[in-house]
Amino acid sequence: MKNVTDSFVSLGHWPSAGSFGFNTDILATNPINLSVVLGVLIFFGKGVLSDLLDNRKQRILNTIRNSEELRGGAIEQLDKARSRLRKVETEAEQFRVNGYSEIEREKWNLINSTYKTLEQLENYKNETIQFEQQRAINQVRQRVFQQALRGALGTLNSCLNNELHLRTISANIGMLGTMKEITD
């Protein structure tokens, strides 16, 4: 093995017999040393490098597969979310339309209710006015009747004297007696 190593280390330089030495000529030794190192690395590192590259390739492929699965799941979730959004938008539109029609219905119900209440109030007002008018008419009639009665009593009292009064009473008693005899 020593002969092989010596031949690689100093190809261009033959040291003195039996001694080991270094070739300091950079231009002569570097390409040779680099080719030897690369040859050894390729020969011995080929399997390791191949395994590393295969592992890296598998990880990349697995990552791509996982990404594709995640992408598919995300697309599916996006489709579901869009479907739910369309459903919610449709329901919201129905609620909006129903809400407007409900508001319109409530508005008309309120208008009709207010109109009926106003009619009732108008009827109550008219009934109250009629009642008050009738009461006022009755009060006026009573006062007129009372004044007429007072006037008649006053006239009778002033025109009647005791003698006329006694004759009227006697005449009335006589009429009552005659009526009693007719009924018996």
C-alpha atoms as a PDB file:
ATOM      1  CA  MET A   1       0.000   0.000   0.000  1.00  0.00           C
ATOM      2  CA  LYS A   2       2.887   2.283   0.683  1.00  0.00           C
ATOM      3  CA  ASN A   3       3.991   2.032  -2.916  1.00  0.00           C
ATOM      4  CA  VAL A   4       0.586   3.077  -4.187  1.00  0.00           C
ATOM      5  CA  THR A   5       0.447   6.023  -1.788  1.00  0.00           C
ATOM      6  CA  ASP A   6       3.919   7.092  -2.724  1.00  0.00           C
ATOM      7  CA  SER A   7       3.080   6.972  -6.364  1.00  0.00           C
ATOM      8  CA  PHE A   8       0.081   9.229  -5.843  1.00  0.00           C
ATOM      9  CA  VAL A   9       1.807  11.667  -3.553  1.00  0.00           C
ATOM     10  CA  SER A  10       4.803  12.250  -5.694  1.00  0.00           C
ATOM     11  CA  LEU A  11       4.294  11.297  -9.293  1.00  0.00           C
ATOM     12  CA  GLY A  12       6.394  14.033 -10.751  1.00  0.00           C
ATOM     13  CA  HIS A  13       9.104  13.975  -8.185  1.00  0.00           C
ATOM     14  CA  TRP A  14      11.288  11.007  -7.262  1.00  0.00           C
ATOM     15  CA  PRO A  15      12.788  11.631  -3.922  1.00  0.00           C
ATOM     16  CA  SER A  16      16.076  10.262  -2.886  1.00  0.00           C
ATOM     17  CA  ALA A  17      16.173   6.569  -2.253  1.00  0.00           C
ATOM     18  CA  GLY A  18      13.874   5.339   0.491  1.00  0.00           C
ATOM     19  CA  SER A  19      12.792   8.673   1.740  1.00  0.00           C
ATOM     20  CA  PHE A  20       9.358  10.094   1.858  1.00  0.00           C
ATOM     21  CA  GLY A  21       8.778  13.680   0.775  1.00  0.00           C
ATOM     22  CA  PHE A  22       6.303  16.176  -0.477  1.00  0.00           C
ATOM     23  CA  ASN A  23       6.126  17.631  -3.895  1.00  0.00           C
ATOM     24  CA  THR A  24       5.798  21.370  -3.495  1.00  0.00           C
ATOM     25  CA  ASP A  25       5.016  22.064  -7.125  1.00  0.00           C
ATOM     26  CA  ILE A  26       1.428  23.216  -6.856  1.00  0.00           C
ATOM     27  CA  LEU A  27       0.643  23.059 -10.543  1.00  0.00           C
ATOM     28  CA  ALA A  28       1.795  19.465 -10.806  1.00  0.00           C
ATOM     29  CA  THR A  29       0.247  18.041  -7.652  1.00  0.00           C
ATOM     30  CA  ASN A  30      -3.186  19.754  -7.245  1.00  0.00           C
ATOM     31  CA  PRO A  31      -4.959  18.358 -10.300  1.00  0.00           C
ATOM     32  CA  ILE A  32      -3.621  14.932  -9.511  1.00  0.00           C
ATOM     33  CA  ASN A  33      -4.598  15.120  -5.844  1.00  0.00           C
ATOM     34  CA  LEU A  34      -8.019  16.482  -6.695  1.00  0.00           C
ATOM     35  CA  SER A  35      -8.656  13.751  -9.255  1.00  0.00           C
ATOM     36  CA  VAL A  36      -7.623  11.114  -6.745  1.00  0.00           C
ATOM     37  CA  VAL A  37      -9.824  12.573  -3.996  1.00  0.00           C
ATOM     38  CA  LEU A  38     -12.740  12.891  -6.383  1.00  0.00           C
ATOM     39  CA  GLY A  39     -12.227   9.355  -7.632  1.00  0.00           C
ATOM     40  CA  VAL A  40     -12.217   8.006  -4.059  1.00  0.00           C
ATOM     41  CA  LEU A  41     -15.260  10.088  -3.120  1.00  0.00           C
ATOM     42  CA  ILE A  42     -17.153   8.942  -6.176  1.00  0.00           C
ATOM     43  CA  PHE A  43     -16.219   5.297  -5.670  1.00  0.00           C
ATOM     44  CA  PHE A  44     -16.961   5.161  -1.930  1.00  0.00           C
ATOM     45  CA  GLY A  45     -19.536   7.951  -1.674  1.00  0.00           C
ATOM     46  CA  LYS A  46     -21.596   6.857  -4.652  1.00  0.00           C
ATOM     47  CA  GLY A  47     -23.869   4.647  -2.528  1.00  0.00           C
ATOM     48  CA  VAL A  48     -24.205   7.169   0.287  1.00  0.00           C
ATOM     49  CA  LEU A  49     -24.865  10.003  -2.130  1.00  0.00           C
ATOM     50  CA  SER A  50     -27.338   7.852  -4.043  1.00  0.00           C
ATOM     51  CA  ASP A  51     -29.135   6.960  -0.788  1.00  0.00           C
ATOM     52  CA  LEU A  52     -29.192  10.617   0.271  1.00  0.00           C
ATOM     53  CA  LEU A  53     -30.566  11.680  -3.100  1.00  0.00           C
ATOM     54  CA  ASP A  54     -33.151   8.850  -3.072  1.00  0.00           C
ATOM     55  CA  ASN A  55     -34.271   9.828   0.444  1.00  0.00           C
ATOM     56  CA  ARG A  56     -34.459  13.463  -0.573  1.00  0.00           C
ATOM     57  CA  LYS A  57     -36.405  12.498  -3.707  1.00  0.00           C
ATOM     58  CA  GLN A  58     -38.858  10.423  -1.622  1.00  0.00           C
ATOM     59  CA  ARG A  59     -39.331  13.274   0.846  1.00  0.00           C
ATOM     60  CA  ILE A  60     -39.971  15.691  -2.003  1.00  0.00           C
ATOM     61  CA  LEU A  61     -42.438  13.269  -3.631  1.00  0.00           C
ATOM     62  CA  ASN A  62     -44.192  12.688  -0.282  1.00  0.00           C
ATOM     63  CA  THR A  63     -44.360  16.435   0.268  1.00  0.00           C
ATOM     64  CA  ILE A  64     -45.822  16.898  -3.210  1.00  0.00           C
ATOM     65  CA  ARG A  65     -48.385  14.096  -2.609  1.00  0.00           C
ATOM     66  CA  ASN A  66     -49.326  15.600   0.755  1.00  0.00           C
ATOM     67  CA  SER A  67     -49.583  19.027  -0.831  1.00  0.00           C
ATOM     68  CA  GLU A  68     -51.832  17.624  -3.567  1.00  0.00           C
ATOM     69  CA  GLU A  69     -54.027  15.910  -0.949  1.00  0.00           C
ATOM     70  CA  LEU A  70     -54.181  19.114   1.093  1.00  0.00           C
ATOM     71  CA  ARG A  71     -54.949  21.073  -2.062  1.00  0.00           C
ATOM     72  CA  GLY A  72     -57.747  18.643  -2.933  1.00  0.00           C
ATOM     73  CA  GLY A  73     -59.134  18.905   0.608  1.00  0.00           C
ATOM     74  CA  ALA A  74     -58.877  22.688   0.484  1.00  0.00           C
ATOM     75  CA  ILE A  75     -60.693  22.764  -2.877  1.00  0.00           C
ATOM     76  CA  GLU A  76     -63.394  20.493  -1.466  1.00  0.00           C
ATOM     77  CA  GLN A  77     -63.748  22.691   1.622  1.00  0.00           C
ATOM     78  CA  LEU A  78     -63.833  25.782  -0.598  1.00  0.00           C
ATOM     79  CA  ASP A  79     -66.629  24.225  -2.683  1.00  0.00           C
ATOM     80  CA  LYS A  80     -68.550  23.344   0.487  1.00  0.00           C
ATOM     81  CA  ALA A  81     -68.021  26.872   1.835  1.00  0.00           C
ATOM     82  CA  ARG A  82     -69.205  28.376  -1.466  1.00  0.00           C
ATOM     83  CA  SER A  83     -72.263  26.115  -1.390  1.00  0.00           C
ATOM     84  CA  ARG A  84     -73.031  27.155   2.186  1.00  0.00           C
ATOM     85  CA  LEU A  85     -72.488  30.794   1.222  1.00  0.00           C
ATOM     86  CA  ARG A  86     -74.963  30.495  -1.664  1.00  0.00           C
ATOM     87  CA  LYS A  87     -77.457  28.797   0.667  1.00  0.00           C
ATOM     88  CA  VAL A  88     -77.013  31.492   3.327  1.00  0.00           C
ATOM     89  CA  GLU A  89     -77.314  34.242   0.705  1.00  0.00           C
ATOM     90  CA  THR A  90     -80.532  32.628  -0.582  1.00  0.00           C
ATOM     91  CA  GLU A  91     -81.918  32.388   2.958  1.00  0.00           C
ATOM     92  CA  ALA A  92     -80.882  35.975   3.652  1.00  0.00           C
ATOM     93  CA  GLU A  93     -82.655  37.108   0.494  1.00  0.00           C
ATOM     94  CA  GLN A  94     -85.767  35.180   1.558  1.00  0.00           C
ATOM     95  CA  PHE A  95     -85.598  36.743   5.016  1.00  0.00           C
ATOM     96  CA  ARG A  96     -85.151  40.162   3.428  1.00  0.00           C
ATOM     97  CA  VAL A  97     -88.109  39.657   1.083  1.00  0.00           C
ATOM     98  CA  ASN A  98     -90.214  38.128   3.852  1.00  0.00           C
ATOM     99  CA  GLY A  99     -89.135  40.903   6.184  1.00  0.00           C
ATOM    100  CA  TYR A 100     -90.178  43.559   3.678  1.00  0.00           C
ATOM    101  CA  SER A 101     -93.507  41.865   3.071  1.00  0.00           C
ATOM    102  CA  GLU A 102     -93.997  41.412   6.830  1.00  0.00           C
ATOM    103  CA  ILE A 103     -93.184  45.082   7.396  1.00  0.00           C
ATOM    104  CA  GLU A 104     -95.599  46.051   4.622  1.00  0.00           C
ATOM    105  CA  ARG A 105     -98.302  43.788   6.103  1.00  0.00           C
ATOM    106  CA  GLU A 106     -97.735  45.219   9.579  1.00  0.00           C
ATOM    107  CA  LYS A 107     -97.873  48.732   8.130  1.00  0.00           C
ATOM    108  CA  TRP A 108    -101.241  48.046   6.494  1.00  0.00           C
ATOM    109  CA  ASN A 109    -102.518  46.336   9.645  1.00  0.00           C
ATOM    110  CA  LEU A 110    -101.496  49.388  11.653  1.00  0.00           C
ATOM    111  CA  ILE A 111    -103.116  51.740   9.133  1.00  0.00           C
ATOM    112  CA  ASN A 112    -106.341  49.695   9.145  1.00  0.00           C
ATOM    113  CA  SER A 113    -106.341  49.461  12.929  1.00  0.00           C
ATOM    114  CA  THR A 114    -105.776  53.210  13.224  1.00  0.00           C
ATOM    115  CA  TYR A 115    -108.558  53.862  10.690  1.00  0.00           C
ATOM    116  CA  LYS A 116    -110.961  51.637  12.680  1.00  0.00           C
ATOM    117  CA  THR A 117    -109.967  53.324  15.926  1.00  0.00           C
ATOM    118  CA  LEU A 118    -110.540  56.737  14.338  1.00  0.00           C
ATOM    119  CA  GLU A 119    -113.958  55.590  13.097  1.00  0.00           C
ATOM    120  CA  GLN A 120    -114.856  54.367  16.583  1.00  0.00           C
ATOM    121  CA  LEU A 121    -113.675  57.634  18.104  1.00  0.00           C
ATOM    122  CA  GLU A 122    -115.721  59.558  15.518  1.00  0.00           C
ATOM    123  CA  ASN A 123    -118.781  57.439  16.376  1.00  0.00           C
ATOM    124  CA  TYR A 124    -118.232  57.963  20.100  1.00  0.00           C
ATOM    125  CA  LYS A 125    -117.848  61.687  19.479  1.00  0.00           C
ATOM    126  CA  ASN A 126    -121.072  61.826  17.455  1.00  0.00           C
ATOM    127  CA  GLU A 127    -122.941  59.791  20.084  1.00  0.00           C
ATOM    128  CA  THR A 128    -121.614  62.061  22.834  1.00  0.00           C
ATOM    129  CA  ILE A 129    -122.627  65.154  20.873  1.00  0.00           C
ATOM    130  CA  GLN A 130    -126.124  63.727  20.294  1.00  0.00           C
ATOM    131  CA  PHE A 131    -126.427  62.751  23.939  1.00  0.00           C
ATOM    132  CA  GLU A 132    -125.330  66.203  25.100  1.00  0.00           C
ATOM    133  CA  GLN A 133    -127.692  67.864  22.608  1.00  0.00           C
ATOM    134  CA  GLN A 134    -130.595  65.718  23.816  1.00  0.00           C
ATOM    135  CA  ARG A 135    -129.703  66.476  27.434  1.00  0.00           C
ATOM    136  CA  ALA A 136    -129.509  70.190  26.699  1.00  0.00           C
ATOM    137  CA  ILE A 137    -132.892  70.047  24.886  1.00  0.00           C
ATOM    138  CA  ASN A 138    -134.437  68.174  27.843  1.00  0.00           C
ATOM    139  CA  GLN A 139    -133.036  70.727  30.291  1.00  0.00           C
ATOM    140  CA  VAL A 140    -134.405  73.578  28.197  1.00  0.00           C
ATOM    141  CA  ARG A 141    -137.813  71.835  28.006  1.00  0.00           C
ATOM    142  CA  GLN A 142    -137.861  71.321  31.775  1.00  0.00           C
ATOM    143  CA  ARG A 143    -137.014  74.976  32.393  1.00  0.00           C
ATOM    144  CA  VAL A 144    -139.612  76.152  29.882  1.00  0.00           C
ATOM    145  CA  PHE A 145    -142.214  73.835  31.433  1.00  0.00           C
ATOM    146  CA  GLN A 146    -141.284  75.000  34.953  1.00  0.00           C
ATOM    147  CA  GLN A 147    -141.481  78.641  33.896  1.00  0.00           C
ATOM    148  CA  ALA A 148    -144.819  78.039  32.130  1.00  0.00           C
ATOM    149  CA  LEU A 149    -146.139  76.217  35.199  1.00  0.00           C
ATOM    150  CA  ARG A 150    -144.976  79.036  37.484  1.00  0.00           C
ATOM    151  CA  GLY A 151    -146.555  81.550  35.149  1.00  0.00           C
ATOM    152  CA  ALA A 152    -149.839  79.600  35.032  1.00  0.00           C
ATOM    153  CA  LEU A 153    -149.881  79.181  38.823  1.00  0.00           C
ATOM    154  CA  GLY A 154    -149.119  82.833  39.233  1.00  0.00           C
ATOM    155  CA  THR A 155    -151.939  83.756  36.841  1.00  0.00           C
ATOM    156  CA  LEU A 156    -154.333  81.375  38.571  1.00  0.00           C
ATOM    157  CA  ASN A 157    -153.393  82.605  41.994  1.00  0.00           C
ATOM    158  CA  SER A 158    -153.820  86.210  40.966  1.00  0.00           C
ATOM    159  CA  CYS A 159    -157.154  85.609  39.193  1.00  0.00           C
ATOM    160  CA  LEU A 160    -158.699  83.326  41.740  1.00  0.00           C
ATOM    161  CA  ASN A 161    -160.139  84.704  44.877  1.00  0.00           C
ATOM    162  CA  ASN A 162    -161.630  82.715  47.710  1.00  0.00           C
ATOM    163  CA  GLU A 163    -165.154  82.672  46.367  1.00  0.00           C
ATOM    164  CA  LEU A 164    -164.135  81.578  42.882  1.00  0.00           C
ATOM    165  CA  HIS A 165    -161.868  79.047  44.416  1.00  0.00           C
ATOM    166  CA  LEU A 166    -164.699  77.549  46.531  1.00  0.00           C
ATOM    167  CA  ARG A 167    -167.066  77.417  43.546  1.00  0.00           C
ATOM    168  CA  THR A 168    -164.443  75.599  41.428  1.00  0.00           C
ATOM    169  CA  ILE A 169    -163.881  73.072  44.213  1.00  0.00           C
ATOM    170  CA  SER A 170    -167.639  72.533  44.644  1.00  0.00           C
ATOM    171  CA  ALA A 171    -168.124  72.062  40.907  1.00  0.00           C
ATOM    172  CA  ASN A 172    -165.309  69.521  40.774  1.00  0.00           C
ATOM    173  CA  ILE A 173    -166.714  67.637  43.779  1.00  0.00           C
ATOM    174  CA  GLY A 174    -170.099  67.570  42.082  1.00  0.00           C
ATOM    175  CA  MET A 175    -168.602  66.136  38.912  1.00  0.00           C
ATOM    176  CA  LEU A 176    -166.794  63.496  40.916  1.00  0.00           C
ATOM    177  CA  GLY A 177    -170.020  62.571  42.683  1.00  0.00           C
ATOM    178  CA  THR A 178    -171.866  62.234  39.377  1.00  0.00           C
ATOM    179  CA  MET A 179    -169.113  60.064  38.015  1.00  0.00           C
ATOM    180  CA  LYS A 180    -169.296  57.884  41.094  1.00  0.00           C
ATOM    181  CA  GLU A 181    -173.036  57.362  40.667  1.00  0.00           C
ATOM    182  CA  ILE A 182    -172.580  56.436  37.013  1.00  0.00           C
ATOM    183  CA  THR A 183    -169.938  53.886  37.814  1.00  0.00           C
ATOM    184  CA  ASP A 184    -172.056  52.333  40.657  1.00  0.00           C
END
